[in-house]
PDB file of all heavy atoms in Angstrom:
ATOM      1  N   PHE A   1      23.610  -7.923 -11.688  1.00  0.00           N
ATOM      2  CA  PHE A   1      23.056  -9.269 -11.794  1.00  0.00           C
ATOM      3  C   PHE A   1      21.967  -9.398 -12.861  1.00  0.00           C
ATOM      4  O   PHE A   1      21.688 -10.501 -13.323  1.00  0.00           O
ATOM      5  CB  PHE A   1      22.477  -9.713 -10.446  1.00  0.00           C
ATOM      6  CG  PHE A   1      23.523 -10.046  -9.421  1.00  0.00           C
ATOM      7  CD1 PHE A   1      24.025  -9.074  -8.587  1.00  0.00           C
ATOM      8  CD2 PHE A   1      24.008 -11.340  -9.294  1.00  0.00           C
ATOM      9  CE1 PHE A   1      24.998  -9.370  -7.644  1.00  0.00           C
ATOM     10  CE2 PHE A   1      24.971 -11.658  -8.357  1.00  0.00           C
ATOM     11  CZ  PHE A   1      25.470 -10.661  -7.537  1.00  0.00           C
ATOM     12  N   GLY A   2      21.314  -8.277 -13.177  1.00  0.00           N
ATOM     13  CA  GLY A   2      20.243  -8.345 -14.170  1.00  0.00           C
ATOM     14  C   GLY A   2      18.861  -8.464 -13.572  1.00  0.00           C
ATOM     15  O   GLY A   2      17.881  -8.580 -14.294  1.00  0.00           O
ATOM     16  N   PHE A   3      18.760  -8.427 -12.241  1.00  0.00           N
ATOM     17  CA  PHE A   3      17.453  -8.458 -11.579  1.00  0.00           C
ATOM     18  C   PHE A   3      17.541  -7.680 -10.277  1.00  0.00           C
ATOM     19  O   PHE A   3      18.620  -7.444  -9.741  1.00  0.00           O
ATOM     20  CB  PHE A   3      16.963  -9.898 -11.329  1.00  0.00           C
ATOM     21  CG  PHE A   3      17.956 -10.770 -10.592  1.00  0.00           C
ATOM     22  CD1 PHE A   3      17.975 -10.802  -9.207  1.00  0.00           C
ATOM     23  CD2 PHE A   3      18.864 -11.548 -11.293  1.00  0.00           C
ATOM     24  CE1 PHE A   3      18.885 -11.596  -8.532  1.00  0.00           C
ATOM     25  CE2 PHE A   3      19.784 -12.339 -10.626  1.00  0.00           C
ATOM     26  CZ  PHE A   3      19.786 -12.374  -9.245  1.00  0.00           C
ATOM     27  N   GLN A   4      16.355  -7.281  -9.760  1.00  0.00           N
ATOM     28  CA  GLN A   4      16.285  -6.410  -8.588  1.00  0.00           C
ATOM     29  C   GLN A   4      16.626  -7.164  -7.304  1.00  0.00           C
ATOM     30  O   GLN A   4      16.443  -8.371  -7.205  1.00  0.00           O
ATOM     31  CB  GLN A   4      14.876  -5.800  -8.452  1.00  0.00           C
ATOM     32  CG  GLN A   4      14.524  -4.787  -9.514  1.00  0.00           C
ATOM     33  CD  GLN A   4      15.205  -3.445  -9.296  1.00  0.00           C
ATOM     34  OE1 GLN A   4      15.997  -3.275  -8.372  1.00  0.00           O
ATOM     35  NE2 GLN A   4      14.905  -2.483 -10.147  1.00  0.00           N
ATOM     36  N   TYR A   5      17.120  -6.408  -6.331  1.00  0.00           N
ATOM     37  CA  TYR A   5      17.368  -6.957  -4.993  1.00  0.00           C
ATOM     38  C   TYR A   5      16.051  -7.072  -4.240  1.00  0.00           C
ATOM     39  O   TYR A   5      15.253  -6.142  -4.205  1.00  0.00           O
ATOM     40  CB  TYR A   5      18.318  -6.041  -4.236  1.00  0.00           C
ATOM     41  CG  TYR A   5      18.538  -6.415  -2.789  1.00  0.00           C
ATOM     42  CD1 TYR A   5      19.107  -7.637  -2.444  1.00  0.00           C
ATOM     43  CD2 TYR A   5      18.177  -5.534  -1.764  1.00  0.00           C
ATOM     44  CE1 TYR A   5      19.314  -7.977  -1.121  1.00  0.00           C
ATOM     45  CE2 TYR A   5      18.391  -5.864  -0.446  1.00  0.00           C
ATOM     46  CZ  TYR A   5      18.960  -7.084  -0.121  1.00  0.00           C
ATOM     47  OH  TYR A   5      19.160  -7.421   1.199  1.00  0.00           O
ATOM     48  N   GLN A   6      15.810  -8.237  -3.656  1.00  0.00           N
ATOM     49  CA  GLN A   6      14.621  -8.469  -2.839  1.00  0.00           C
ATOM     50  C   GLN A   6      15.084  -8.727  -1.409  1.00  0.00           C
ATOM     51  O   GLN A   6      15.639  -9.796  -1.128  1.00  0.00           O
ATOM     52  CB  GLN A   6      13.835  -9.687  -3.353  1.00  0.00           C
ATOM     53  CG  GLN A   6      13.311  -9.519  -4.771  1.00  0.00           C
ATOM     54  CD  GLN A   6      12.094  -8.627  -4.813  1.00  0.00           C
ATOM     55  OE1 GLN A   6      11.393  -8.480  -3.826  1.00  0.00           O
ATOM     56  NE2 GLN A   6      11.840  -8.022  -5.960  1.00  0.00           N
ATOM     57  N   PRO A   7      14.901  -7.758  -0.472  1.00  0.00           N
ATOM     58  CA  PRO A   7      15.401  -7.942   0.893  1.00  0.00           C
ATOM     59  C   PRO A   7      14.908  -9.206   1.565  1.00  0.00           C
ATOM     60  O   PRO A   7      15.628  -9.834   2.319  1.00  0.00           O
ATOM     61  CB  PRO A   7      14.894  -6.686   1.623  1.00  0.00           C
ATOM     62  CG  PRO A   7      14.676  -5.689   0.547  1.00  0.00           C
ATOM     63  CD  PRO A   7      14.248  -6.474  -0.660  1.00  0.00           C
ATOM     64  N   ARG A   8      13.656  -9.583   1.322  1.00  0.00           N
ATOM     65  CA  ARG A   8      13.102 -10.805   1.907  1.00  0.00           C
ATOM     66  C   ARG A   8      12.876 -11.788   0.771  1.00  0.00           C
ATOM     67  O   ARG A   8      11.771 -11.983   0.305  1.00  0.00           O
ATOM     68  CB  ARG A   8      11.817 -10.513   2.660  1.00  0.00           C
ATOM     69  CG  ARG A   8      11.989  -9.532   3.805  1.00  0.00           C
ATOM     70  CD  ARG A   8      10.681  -9.228   4.479  1.00  0.00           C
ATOM     71  NE  ARG A   8      10.140 -10.408   5.124  1.00  0.00           N
ATOM     72  CZ  ARG A   8       8.933 -10.456   5.677  1.00  0.00           C
ATOM     73  NH1 ARG A   8       8.159  -9.395   5.632  1.00  0.00           N
ATOM     74  NH2 ARG A   8       8.502 -11.550   6.251  1.00  0.00           N
ATOM     75  N   SER A   9      13.942 -12.419   0.338  1.00  0.00           N
ATOM     76  CA  SER A   9      13.902 -13.194  -0.898  1.00  0.00           C
ATOM     77  C   SER A   9      13.119 -14.483  -0.769  1.00  0.00           C
ATOM     78  O   SER A   9      12.850 -15.137  -1.758  1.00  0.00           O
ATOM     79  CB  SER A   9      15.331 -13.523  -1.328  1.00  0.00           C
ATOM     80  OG  SER A   9      16.017 -14.196  -0.294  1.00  0.00           O
ATOM     81  N   TYR A  10      12.762 -14.865   0.452  1.00  0.00           N
ATOM     82  CA  TYR A  10      12.001 -16.104   0.573  1.00  0.00           C
ATOM     83  C   TYR A  10      10.527 -15.878   0.251  1.00  0.00           C
ATOM     84  O   TYR A  10       9.758 -16.817   0.140  1.00  0.00           O
ATOM     85  CB  TYR A  10      12.114 -16.679   1.995  1.00  0.00           C
ATOM     86  CG  TYR A  10      11.778 -15.714   3.090  1.00  0.00           C
ATOM     87  CD1 TYR A  10      10.461 -15.529   3.502  1.00  0.00           C
ATOM     88  CD2 TYR A  10      12.772 -14.970   3.704  1.00  0.00           C
ATOM     89  CE1 TYR A  10      10.151 -14.638   4.500  1.00  0.00           C
ATOM     90  CE2 TYR A  10      12.464 -14.079   4.716  1.00  0.00           C
ATOM     91  CZ  TYR A  10      11.167 -13.926   5.116  1.00  0.00           C
ATOM     92  OH  TYR A  10      10.870 -13.041   6.107  1.00  0.00           O
ATOM     93  N   ILE A  11      10.099 -14.616   0.087  1.00  0.00           N
ATOM     94  CA  ILE A  11       8.720 -14.330  -0.299  1.00  0.00           C
ATOM     95  C   ILE A  11       8.570 -14.550  -1.803  1.00  0.00           C
ATOM     96  O   ILE A  11       9.430 -14.164  -2.590  1.00  0.00           O
ATOM     97  CB  ILE A  11       8.346 -12.875   0.071  1.00  0.00           C
ATOM     98  CG1 ILE A  11       8.344 -12.718   1.595  1.00  0.00           C
ATOM     99  CG2 ILE A  11       6.992 -12.501  -0.498  1.00  0.00           C
ATOM    100  CD1 ILE A  11       8.004 -11.335   2.044  1.00  0.00           C
ATOM    101  N   ASN A  12       7.517 -15.163  -2.187  1.00  0.00           N
ATOM    102  CA  ASN A  12       7.258 -15.398  -3.598  1.00  0.00           C
ATOM    103  C   ASN A  12       7.253 -14.075  -4.350  1.00  0.00           C
ATOM    104  O   ASN A  12       6.659 -13.097  -3.911  1.00  0.00           O
ATOM    105  CB  ASN A  12       5.900 -16.097  -3.757  1.00  0.00           C
ATOM    106  CG  ASN A  12       5.683 -16.567  -5.174  1.00  0.00           C
ATOM    107  OD1 ASN A  12       5.648 -15.778  -6.107  1.00  0.00           O
ATOM    108  ND2 ASN A  12       5.539 -17.870  -5.333  1.00  0.00           N
ATOM    109  N   PHE A  13       7.922 -14.045  -5.502  1.00  0.00           N
ATOM    110  CA  PHE A  13       8.044 -12.806  -6.262  1.00  0.00           C
ATOM    111  C   PHE A  13       6.701 -12.280  -6.740  1.00  0.00           C
ATOM    112  O   PHE A  13       6.578 -11.143  -7.138  1.00  0.00           O
ATOM    113  CB  PHE A  13       8.952 -13.034  -7.463  1.00  0.00           C
ATOM    114  CG  PHE A  13      10.418 -13.027  -7.114  1.00  0.00           C
ATOM    115  CD1 PHE A  13      10.834 -12.889  -5.798  1.00  0.00           C
ATOM    116  CD2 PHE A  13      11.379 -13.140  -8.095  1.00  0.00           C
ATOM    117  CE1 PHE A  13      12.166 -12.879  -5.483  1.00  0.00           C
ATOM    118  CE2 PHE A  13      12.723 -13.122  -7.785  1.00  0.00           C
ATOM    119  CZ  PHE A  13      13.136 -13.003  -6.472  1.00  0.00           C
ATOM    120  N   ASN A  14       5.656 -13.111  -6.777  1.00  0.00           N
ATOM    121  CA  ASN A  14       4.357 -12.671  -7.264  1.00  0.00           C
ATOM    122  C   ASN A  14       3.569 -11.902  -6.200  1.00  0.00           C
ATOM    123  O   ASN A  14       2.473 -11.455  -6.460  1.00  0.00           O
ATOM    124  CB  ASN A  14       3.548 -13.888  -7.727  1.00  0.00           C
ATOM    125  CG  ASN A  14       4.198 -14.554  -8.920  1.00  0.00           C
ATOM    126  OD1 ASN A  14       4.742 -13.873  -9.784  1.00  0.00           O
ATOM    127  ND2 ASN A  14       4.168 -15.878  -8.964  1.00  0.00           N
ATOM    128  N   HIS A  15       4.103 -11.774  -5.001  1.00  0.00           N
ATOM    129  CA  HIS A  15       3.407 -11.073  -3.922  1.00  0.00           C
ATOM    130  C   HIS A  15       4.147  -9.786  -3.563  1.00  0.00           C
ATOM    131  O   HIS A  15       5.365  -9.728  -3.599  1.00  0.00           O
ATOM    132  CB  HIS A  15       3.302 -11.963  -2.680  1.00  0.00           C
ATOM    133  CG  HIS A  15       2.385 -13.129  -2.851  1.00  0.00           C
ATOM    134  ND1 HIS A  15       2.755 -14.268  -3.528  1.00  0.00           N
ATOM    135  CD2 HIS A  15       1.099 -13.324  -2.456  1.00  0.00           C
ATOM    136  CE1 HIS A  15       1.750 -15.131  -3.526  1.00  0.00           C
ATOM    137  NE2 HIS A  15       0.740 -14.583  -2.893  1.00  0.00           N
ATOM    138  N   PHE A  16       3.387  -8.761  -3.226  1.00  0.00           N
ATOM    139  CA  PHE A  16       3.992  -7.512  -2.780  1.00  0.00           C
ATOM    140  C   PHE A  16       3.063  -6.860  -1.772  1.00  0.00           C
ATOM    141  O   PHE A  16       1.881  -7.211  -1.670  1.00  0.00           O
ATOM    142  CB  PHE A  16       4.265  -6.571  -3.961  1.00  0.00           C
ATOM    143  CG  PHE A  16       3.035  -6.247  -4.786  1.00  0.00           C
ATOM    144  CD1 PHE A  16       2.255  -5.148  -4.467  1.00  0.00           C
ATOM    145  CD2 PHE A  16       2.684  -7.039  -5.867  1.00  0.00           C
ATOM    146  CE1 PHE A  16       1.123  -4.853  -5.215  1.00  0.00           C
ATOM    147  CE2 PHE A  16       1.556  -6.742  -6.626  1.00  0.00           C
ATOM    148  CZ  PHE A  16       0.777  -5.653  -6.300  1.00  0.00           C
ATOM    149  N   SER A  17       3.604  -5.932  -1.009  1.00  0.00           N
ATOM    150  CA  SER A  17       2.805  -5.300   0.040  1.00  0.00           C
ATOM    151  C   SER A  17       3.284  -3.880   0.266  1.00  0.00           C
ATOM    152  O   SER A  17       4.489  -3.613   0.281  1.00  0.00           O
ATOM    153  CB  SER A  17       2.944  -6.104   1.347  1.00  0.00           C
ATOM    154  OG  SER A  17       2.290  -5.439   2.389  1.00  0.00           O
ATOM    155  N   TYR A  18       2.324  -2.950   0.429  1.00  0.00           N
ATOM    156  CA  TYR A  18       2.636  -1.571   0.772  1.00  0.00           C
ATOM    157  C   TYR A  18       1.688  -1.120   1.876  1.00  0.00           C
ATOM    158  O   TYR A  18       0.647  -1.734   2.102  1.00  0.00           O
ATOM    159  CB  TYR A  18       2.490  -0.634  -0.445  1.00  0.00           C
ATOM    160  CG  TYR A  18       3.352  -1.011  -1.614  1.00  0.00           C
ATOM    161  CD1 TYR A  18       2.797  -1.592  -2.756  1.00  0.00           C
ATOM    162  CD2 TYR A  18       4.730  -0.797  -1.587  1.00  0.00           C
ATOM    163  CE1 TYR A  18       3.582  -1.949  -3.835  1.00  0.00           C
ATOM    164  CE2 TYR A  18       5.522  -1.152  -2.659  1.00  0.00           C
ATOM    165  CZ  TYR A  18       4.957  -1.722  -3.778  1.00  0.00           C
ATOM    166  OH  TYR A  18       5.743  -2.081  -4.832  1.00  0.00           O
ATOM    167  N   ASP A  19       2.053  -0.049   2.542  1.00  0.00           N
ATOM    168  CA  ASP A  19       1.210   0.463   3.609  1.00  0.00           C
ATOM    169  C   ASP A  19       1.303   1.981   3.633  1.00  0.00           C
ATOM    170  O   ASP A  19       2.320   2.559   3.224  1.00  0.00           O
ATOM    171  CB  ASP A  19       1.678  -0.111   4.961  1.00  0.00           C
ATOM    172  CG  ASP A  19       0.601  -0.005   6.025  1.00  0.00           C
ATOM    173  OD1 ASP A  19      -0.491   0.504   5.698  1.00  0.00           O
ATOM    174  OD2 ASP A  19       0.848  -0.417   7.155  1.00  0.00           O
ATOM    175  N   PHE A  20       0.245   2.630   4.112  1.00  0.00           N
ATOM    176  CA  PHE A  20       0.301   4.071   4.294  1.00  0.00           C
ATOM    177  C   PHE A  20       1.313   4.403   5.381  1.00  0.00           C
ATOM    178  O   PHE A  20       1.367   3.737   6.419  1.00  0.00           O
ATOM    179  CB  PHE A  20      -1.070   4.620   4.706  1.00  0.00           C
ATOM    180  CG  PHE A  20      -2.075   4.649   3.597  1.00  0.00           C
ATOM    181  CD1 PHE A  20      -3.109   3.731   3.550  1.00  0.00           C
ATOM    182  CD2 PHE A  20      -1.986   5.603   2.596  1.00  0.00           C
ATOM    183  CE1 PHE A  20      -4.039   3.752   2.533  1.00  0.00           C
ATOM    184  CE2 PHE A  20      -2.918   5.636   1.571  1.00  0.00           C
ATOM    185  CZ  PHE A  20      -3.948   4.720   1.534  1.00  0.00           C
ATOM    186  N   GLN A  21       2.114   5.453   5.161  1.00  0.00           N
ATOM    187  CA  GLN A  21       3.079   5.840   6.188  1.00  0.00           C
ATOM    188  C   GLN A  21       2.379   6.450   7.399  1.00  0.00           C
ATOM    189  O   GLN A  21       2.807   6.286   8.519  1.00  0.00           O
ATOM    190  CB  GLN A  21       4.091   6.833   5.619  1.00  0.00           C
ATOM    191  CG  GLN A  21       5.148   6.163   4.751  1.00  0.00           C
ATOM    192  CD  GLN A  21       6.281   7.111   4.433  1.00  0.00           C
ATOM    193  OE1 GLN A  21       6.052   8.297   4.212  1.00  0.00           O
ATOM    194  NE2 GLN A  21       7.490   6.603   4.396  1.00  0.00           N
ATOM    195  N   ASP A  22       1.301   7.163   7.135  1.00  0.00           N
ATOM    196  CA  ASP A  22       0.601   7.819   8.231  1.00  0.00           C
ATOM    197  C   ASP A  22      -0.894   7.638   8.009  1.00  0.00           C
ATOM    198  O   ASP A  22      -1.506   8.315   7.189  1.00  0.00           O
ATOM    199  CB  ASP A  22       0.965   9.312   8.293  1.00  0.00           C
ATOM    200  CG  ASP A  22       0.353   9.987   9.512  1.00  0.00           C
ATOM    201  OD1 ASP A  22      -0.362   9.312  10.302  1.00  0.00           O
ATOM    202  OD2 ASP A  22       0.572  11.197   9.688  1.00  0.00           O
ATOM    203  N   ASN A  23      -1.490   6.697   8.744  1.00  0.00           N
ATOM    204  CA  ASN A  23      -2.913   6.423   8.572  1.00  0.00           C
ATOM    205  C   ASN A  23      -3.802   7.541   9.121  1.00  0.00           C
ATOM    206  O   ASN A  23      -5.007   7.526   8.917  1.00  0.00           O
ATOM    207  CB  ASN A  23      -3.272   5.102   9.260  1.00  0.00           C
ATOM    208  CG  ASN A  23      -2.704   3.916   8.499  1.00  0.00           C
ATOM    209  OD1 ASN A  23      -2.625   3.949   7.290  1.00  0.00           O
ATOM    210  ND2 ASN A  23      -2.302   2.889   9.221  1.00  0.00           N
ATOM    211  N   ASN A  24      -3.216   8.478   9.848  1.00  0.00           N
ATOM    212  CA  ASN A  24      -4.011   9.563  10.439  1.00  0.00           C
ATOM    213  C   ASN A  24      -4.069  10.809   9.560  1.00  0.00           C
ATOM    214  O   ASN A  24      -4.597  11.824   9.968  1.00  0.00           O
ATOM    215  CB  ASN A  24      -3.431   9.937  11.815  1.00  0.00           C
ATOM    216  CG  ASN A  24      -3.572   8.803  12.810  1.00  0.00           C
ATOM    217  OD1 ASN A  24      -4.594   8.129  12.829  1.00  0.00           O
ATOM    218  ND2 ASN A  24      -2.555   8.590  13.624  1.00  0.00           N
ATOM    219  N   SER A  25      -3.498  10.737   8.366  1.00  0.00           N
ATOM    220  CA  SER A  25      -3.546  11.899   7.478  1.00  0.00           C
ATOM    221  C   SER A  25      -4.984  12.152   7.031  1.00  0.00           C
ATOM    222  O   SER A  25      -5.738  11.212   6.788  1.00  0.00           O
ATOM    223  CB  SER A  25      -2.666  11.653   6.243  1.00  0.00           C
ATOM    224  OG  SER A  25      -1.325  11.492   6.622  1.00  0.00           O
ATOM    225  N   PRO A  26      -5.392  13.415   6.900  1.00  0.00           N
ATOM    226  CA  PRO A  26      -6.762  13.710   6.462  1.00  0.00           C
ATOM    227  C   PRO A  26      -6.964  13.310   5.001  1.00  0.00           C
ATOM    228  O   PRO A  26      -6.065  13.444   4.177  1.00  0.00           O
ATOM    229  CB  PRO A  26      -6.870  15.229   6.630  1.00  0.00           C
ATOM    230  CG  PRO A  26      -5.462  15.716   6.590  1.00  0.00           C
ATOM    231  CD  PRO A  26      -4.624  14.631   7.187  1.00  0.00           C
ATOM    232  N   VAL A  27      -8.148  12.804   4.714  1.00  0.00           N
ATOM    233  CA  VAL A  27      -8.508  12.418   3.350  1.00  0.00           C
ATOM    234  C   VAL A  27      -9.549  13.398   2.828  1.00  0.00           C
ATOM    235  O   VAL A  27     -10.589  13.593   3.458  1.00  0.00           O
ATOM    236  CB  VAL A  27      -9.077  10.974   3.328  1.00  0.00           C
ATOM    237  CG1 VAL A  27      -9.499  10.608   1.911  1.00  0.00           C
ATOM    238  CG2 VAL A  27      -8.040   9.992   3.855  1.00  0.00           C
ATOM    239  N   LYS A  28      -9.280  14.019   1.704  1.00  0.00           N
ATOM    240  CA  LYS A  28     -10.199  15.006   1.135  1.00  0.00           C
ATOM    241  C   LYS A  28     -11.373  14.277   0.496  1.00  0.00           C
ATOM    242  O   LYS A  28     -11.204  13.473  -0.415  1.00  0.00           O
ATOM    243  CB  LYS A  28      -9.474  15.859   0.093  1.00  0.00           C
ATOM    244  CG  LYS A  28     -10.313  17.021  -0.412  1.00  0.00           C
ATOM    245  CD  LYS A  28      -9.518  17.888  -1.366  1.00  0.00           C
ATOM    246  CE  LYS A  28     -10.357  19.064  -1.854  1.00  0.00           C
ATOM    247  NZ  LYS A  28      -9.613  19.928  -2.789  1.00  0.00           N
ATOM    248  N   ILE A  29     -12.594  14.540   0.963  1.00  0.00           N
ATOM    249  CA  ILE A  29     -13.781  13.831   0.463  1.00  0.00           C
ATOM    250  C   ILE A  29     -14.814  14.796  -0.112  1.00  0.00           C
ATOM    251  O   ILE A  29     -15.968  14.414  -0.329  1.00  0.00           O
ATOM    252  CB  ILE A  29     -14.428  12.975   1.572  1.00  0.00           C
ATOM    253  CG1 ILE A  29     -14.824  13.846   2.772  1.00  0.00           C
ATOM    254  CG2 ILE A  29     -13.495  11.860   2.011  1.00  0.00           C
ATOM    255  CD1 ILE A  29     -15.627  13.089   3.821  1.00  0.00           C
ATOM    256  N   SER A  30     -14.426  16.035  -0.379  1.00  0.00           N
ATOM    257  CA  SER A  30     -15.399  16.988  -0.943  1.00  0.00           C
ATOM    258  C   SER A  30     -15.854  16.515  -2.330  1.00  0.00           C
ATOM    259  O   SER A  30     -15.071  15.972  -3.101  1.00  0.00           O
ATOM    260  CB  SER A  30     -14.750  18.375  -1.059  1.00  0.00           C
ATOM    261  OG  SER A  30     -13.623  18.324  -1.902  1.00  0.00           O
ATOM    262  N   GLY A  31     -17.135  16.714  -2.604  1.00  0.00           N
ATOM    263  CA  GLY A  31     -17.703  16.271  -3.874  1.00  0.00           C
ATOM    264  C   GLY A  31     -18.255  14.860  -3.822  1.00  0.00           C
ATOM    265  O   GLY A  31     -18.795  14.379  -4.820  1.00  0.00           O
ATOM    266  N   TYR A  32     -18.152  14.216  -2.642  1.00  0.00           N
ATOM    267  CA  TYR A  32     -18.665  12.851  -2.498  1.00  0.00           C
ATOM    268  C   TYR A  32     -19.603  12.798  -1.293  1.00  0.00           C
ATOM    269  O   TYR A  32     -19.511  13.611  -0.369  1.00  0.00           O
ATOM    270  CB  TYR A  32     -17.517  11.854  -2.316  1.00  0.00           C
ATOM    271  CG  TYR A  32     -16.611  11.784  -3.534  1.00  0.00           C
ATOM    272  CD1 TYR A  32     -15.517  12.642  -3.655  1.00  0.00           C
ATOM    273  CD2 TYR A  32     -16.875  10.891  -4.560  1.00  0.00           C
ATOM    274  CE1 TYR A  32     -14.697  12.596  -4.769  1.00  0.00           C
ATOM    275  CE2 TYR A  32     -16.049  10.830  -5.678  1.00  0.00           C
ATOM    276  CZ  TYR A  32     -14.967  11.683  -5.778  1.00  0.00           C
ATOM    277  OH  TYR A  32     -14.171  11.641  -6.892  1.00  0.00           O
ATOM    278  N   ASP A  33     -20.522  11.837  -1.282  1.00  0.00           N
ATOM    279  CA  ASP A  33     -21.531  11.742  -0.221  1.00  0.00           C
ATOM    280  C   ASP A  33     -21.144  10.794   0.903  1.00  0.00           C
ATOM    281  O   ASP A  33     -21.539  11.001   2.047  1.00  0.00           O
ATOM    282  CB  ASP A  33     -22.875  11.280  -0.824  1.00  0.00           C
ATOM    283  CG  ASP A  33     -23.420  12.300  -1.813  1.00  0.00           C
ATOM    284  OD1 ASP A  33     -23.428  13.495  -1.462  1.00  0.00           O
ATOM    285  OD2 ASP A  33     -23.825  11.902  -2.924  1.00  0.00           O
ATOM    286  N   TYR A  34     -20.385   9.741   0.583  1.00  0.00           N
ATOM    287  CA  TYR A  34     -20.090   8.721   1.592  1.00  0.00           C
ATOM    288  C   TYR A  34     -18.627   8.320   1.540  1.00  0.00           C
ATOM    289  O   TYR A  34     -17.986   8.382   0.491  1.00  0.00           O
ATOM    290  CB  TYR A  34     -20.973   7.468   1.372  1.00  0.00           C
ATOM    291  CG  TYR A  34     -22.445   7.777   1.385  1.00  0.00           C
ATOM    292  CD1 TYR A  34     -23.170   7.860   0.192  1.00  0.00           C
ATOM    293  CD2 TYR A  34     -23.123   7.994   2.587  1.00  0.00           C
ATOM    294  CE1 TYR A  34     -24.520   8.148   0.189  1.00  0.00           C
ATOM    295  CE2 TYR A  34     -24.482   8.287   2.590  1.00  0.00           C
ATOM    296  CZ  TYR A  34     -25.177   8.363   1.398  1.00  0.00           C
ATOM    297  OH  TYR A  34     -26.504   8.651   1.407  1.00  0.00           O
ATOM    298  N   PHE A  35     -18.134   7.896   2.709  1.00  0.00           N
ATOM    299  CA  PHE A  35     -16.757   7.417   2.818  1.00  0.00           C
ATOM    300  C   PHE A  35     -16.767   6.028   3.442  1.00  0.00           C
ATOM    301  O   PHE A  35     -17.355   5.808   4.501  1.00  0.00           O
ATOM    302  CB  PHE A  35     -15.932   8.375   3.687  1.00  0.00           C
ATOM    303  CG  PHE A  35     -14.554   7.859   4.023  1.00  0.00           C
ATOM    304  CD1 PHE A  35     -13.513   7.958   3.110  1.00  0.00           C
ATOM    305  CD2 PHE A  35     -14.287   7.275   5.255  1.00  0.00           C
ATOM    306  CE1 PHE A  35     -12.254   7.488   3.421  1.00  0.00           C
ATOM    307  CE2 PHE A  35     -13.031   6.801   5.571  1.00  0.00           C
ATOM    308  CZ  PHE A  35     -11.999   6.905   4.652  1.00  0.00           C
ATOM    309  N   PHE A  36     -16.144   5.071   2.797  1.00  0.00           N
ATOM    310  CA  PHE A  36     -15.993   3.713   3.321  1.00  0.00           C
ATOM    311  C   PHE A  36     -14.508   3.405   3.491  1.00  0.00           C
ATOM    312  O   PHE A  36     -13.708   3.753   2.615  1.00  0.00           O
ATOM    313  CB  PHE A  36     -16.588   2.670   2.364  1.00  0.00           C
ATOM    314  CG  PHE A  36     -18.080   2.679   2.296  1.00  0.00           C
ATOM    315  CD1 PHE A  36     -18.739   3.288   1.231  1.00  0.00           C
ATOM    316  CD2 PHE A  36     -18.841   2.062   3.277  1.00  0.00           C
ATOM    317  CE1 PHE A  36     -20.112   3.291   1.149  1.00  0.00           C
ATOM    318  CE2 PHE A  36     -20.220   2.055   3.200  1.00  0.00           C
ATOM    319  CZ  PHE A  36     -20.861   2.669   2.145  1.00  0.00           C
ATOM    320  N   GLU A  37     -14.159   2.745   4.577  1.00  0.00           N
ATOM    321  CA  GLU A  37     -12.781   2.267   4.754  1.00  0.00           C
ATOM    322  C   GLU A  37     -12.794   0.739   4.822  1.00  0.00           C
ATOM    323  O   GLU A  37     -13.472   0.157   5.668  1.00  0.00           O
ATOM    324  CB  GLU A  37     -12.161   2.834   6.020  1.00  0.00           C
ATOM    325  CG  GLU A  37     -10.712   2.410   6.199  1.00  0.00           C
ATOM    326  CD  GLU A  37     -10.069   3.054   7.412  1.00  0.00           C
ATOM    327  OE1 GLU A  37     -10.797   3.664   8.216  1.00  0.00           O
ATOM    328  OE2 GLU A  37      -8.850   2.927   7.552  1.00  0.00           O
ATOM    329  N   ILE A  38     -12.071   0.105   3.919  1.00  0.00           N
ATOM    330  CA  ILE A  38     -12.012  -1.356   3.868  1.00  0.00           C
ATOM    331  C   ILE A  38     -10.605  -1.790   4.254  1.00  0.00           C
ATOM    332  O   ILE A  38      -9.630  -1.387   3.621  1.00  0.00           O
ATOM    333  CB  ILE A  38     -12.349  -1.882   2.458  1.00  0.00           C
ATOM    334  CG1 ILE A  38     -13.767  -1.441   2.060  1.00  0.00           C
ATOM    335  CG2 ILE A  38     -12.226  -3.394   2.402  1.00  0.00           C
ATOM    336  CD1 ILE A  38     -14.132  -1.806   0.644  1.00  0.00           C
ATOM    337  N   THR A  39     -10.494  -2.584   5.286  1.00  0.00           N
ATOM    338  CA  THR A  39      -9.191  -3.043   5.765  1.00  0.00           C
ATOM    339  C   THR A  39      -9.171  -4.560   5.794  1.00  0.00           C
ATOM    340  O   THR A  39     -10.067  -5.183   6.342  1.00  0.00           O
ATOM    341  CB  THR A  39      -8.889  -2.510   7.184  1.00  0.00           C
ATOM    342  OG1 THR A  39      -8.981  -1.091   7.150  1.00  0.00           O
ATOM    343  CG2 THR A  39      -7.504  -2.923   7.628  1.00  0.00           C
TER     344      THR A  39
END
C-alpha cells in the first residue's frame, strides 16, 4: 500500500504510546545522587 499498518487506525497518526514491559526491573543508578520517577 505504501504506508504502515496501524492496528488502531482511529487514533490520530500524530500520537503514539509505549510502555515498559516490566516496571519492576532494576535501574542502575551508580554515579548519580538522586532518582526521580515521573509518571
